[in-house]
């Protein structure tokens, strides 16, 4: 993923509920959200 902030904005507008704010961990930007059936899913963007 090239622009996690833009994707989070798009998904938020589509009604997706996020578990946390975007964080930086081990050279990645990460954010977790609720997927189908309440399963936790993750978006990640590698930092260069």
Protein backbone atom coordinates (compact mmCIF):
# COMPACT_ATOMS: atom_id res chain seq x y z
CA UNK A 1 0.00 0.00 0.00
CA UNK A 2 1.38 3.39 -0.98
CA UNK A 3 -0.80 5.79 1.05
CA UNK A 4 -2.31 4.27 4.17
CA UNK A 5 -3.78 7.61 5.30
CA UNK A 6 -5.78 7.93 2.08
CA UNK A 7 -6.99 4.32 2.34
CA UNK A 8 -8.05 4.77 5.98
CA UNK A 9 -10.01 7.87 4.96
CA UNK A 10 -11.70 6.00 2.11
CA UNK A 11 -12.59 3.03 4.32
CA UNK A 12 -13.86 5.27 7.13
CA UNK A 13 -16.20 7.00 4.66
CA UNK A 14 -17.41 3.54 3.62
CA UNK A 15 -18.31 2.76 7.24
CA UNK A 16 -15.34 0.63 8.33
CA UNK A 17 -14.59 0.88 12.07
CA UNK A 18 -10.93 1.10 13.08
CA UNK A 19 -9.49 -0.27 16.31
CA UNK A 20 -6.64 2.25 16.57
CA UNK A 21 -4.94 5.23 14.98
CA UNK A 22 -2.18 4.64 12.44
CA UNK A 23 1.03 3.72 14.27
CA UNK A 24 4.64 3.17 13.23
CA UNK A 25 6.18 -0.20 14.14
CA UNK A 26 9.21 -1.98 12.68
CA UNK A 27 9.54 0.22 9.59
CA UNK A 28 5.82 0.04 8.79
CA UNK A 29 2.72 2.13 9.31
CA UNK A 30 0.00 -0.13 10.73
CA UNK A 31 -3.68 0.20 11.48
CA UNK A 32 -6.16 -2.46 12.60
CA UNK A 33 -9.87 -2.56 11.78
CA UNK A 34 -12.91 -4.75 12.22
CA UNK A 35 -13.48 -7.10 9.29
CA UNK A 36 -16.34 -9.47 8.52
CA UNK A 37 -17.72 -11.20 11.61
CA UNK A 38 -15.69 -8.93 13.89
CA UNK A 39 -12.37 -10.44 12.82
CA UNK A 40 -9.44 -8.05 13.31
CA UNK A 41 -7.73 -7.15 10.06
CA UNK A 42 -4.62 -5.07 9.36
CA UNK A 43 -3.45 -2.55 6.77
CA UNK A 44 0.29 -1.97 6.48
CA UNK A 45 2.52 0.42 4.55
CA UNK A 46 6.25 -0.26 4.46
CA UNK A 47 8.43 2.78 5.06
CA UNK A 48 11.52 3.29 2.92
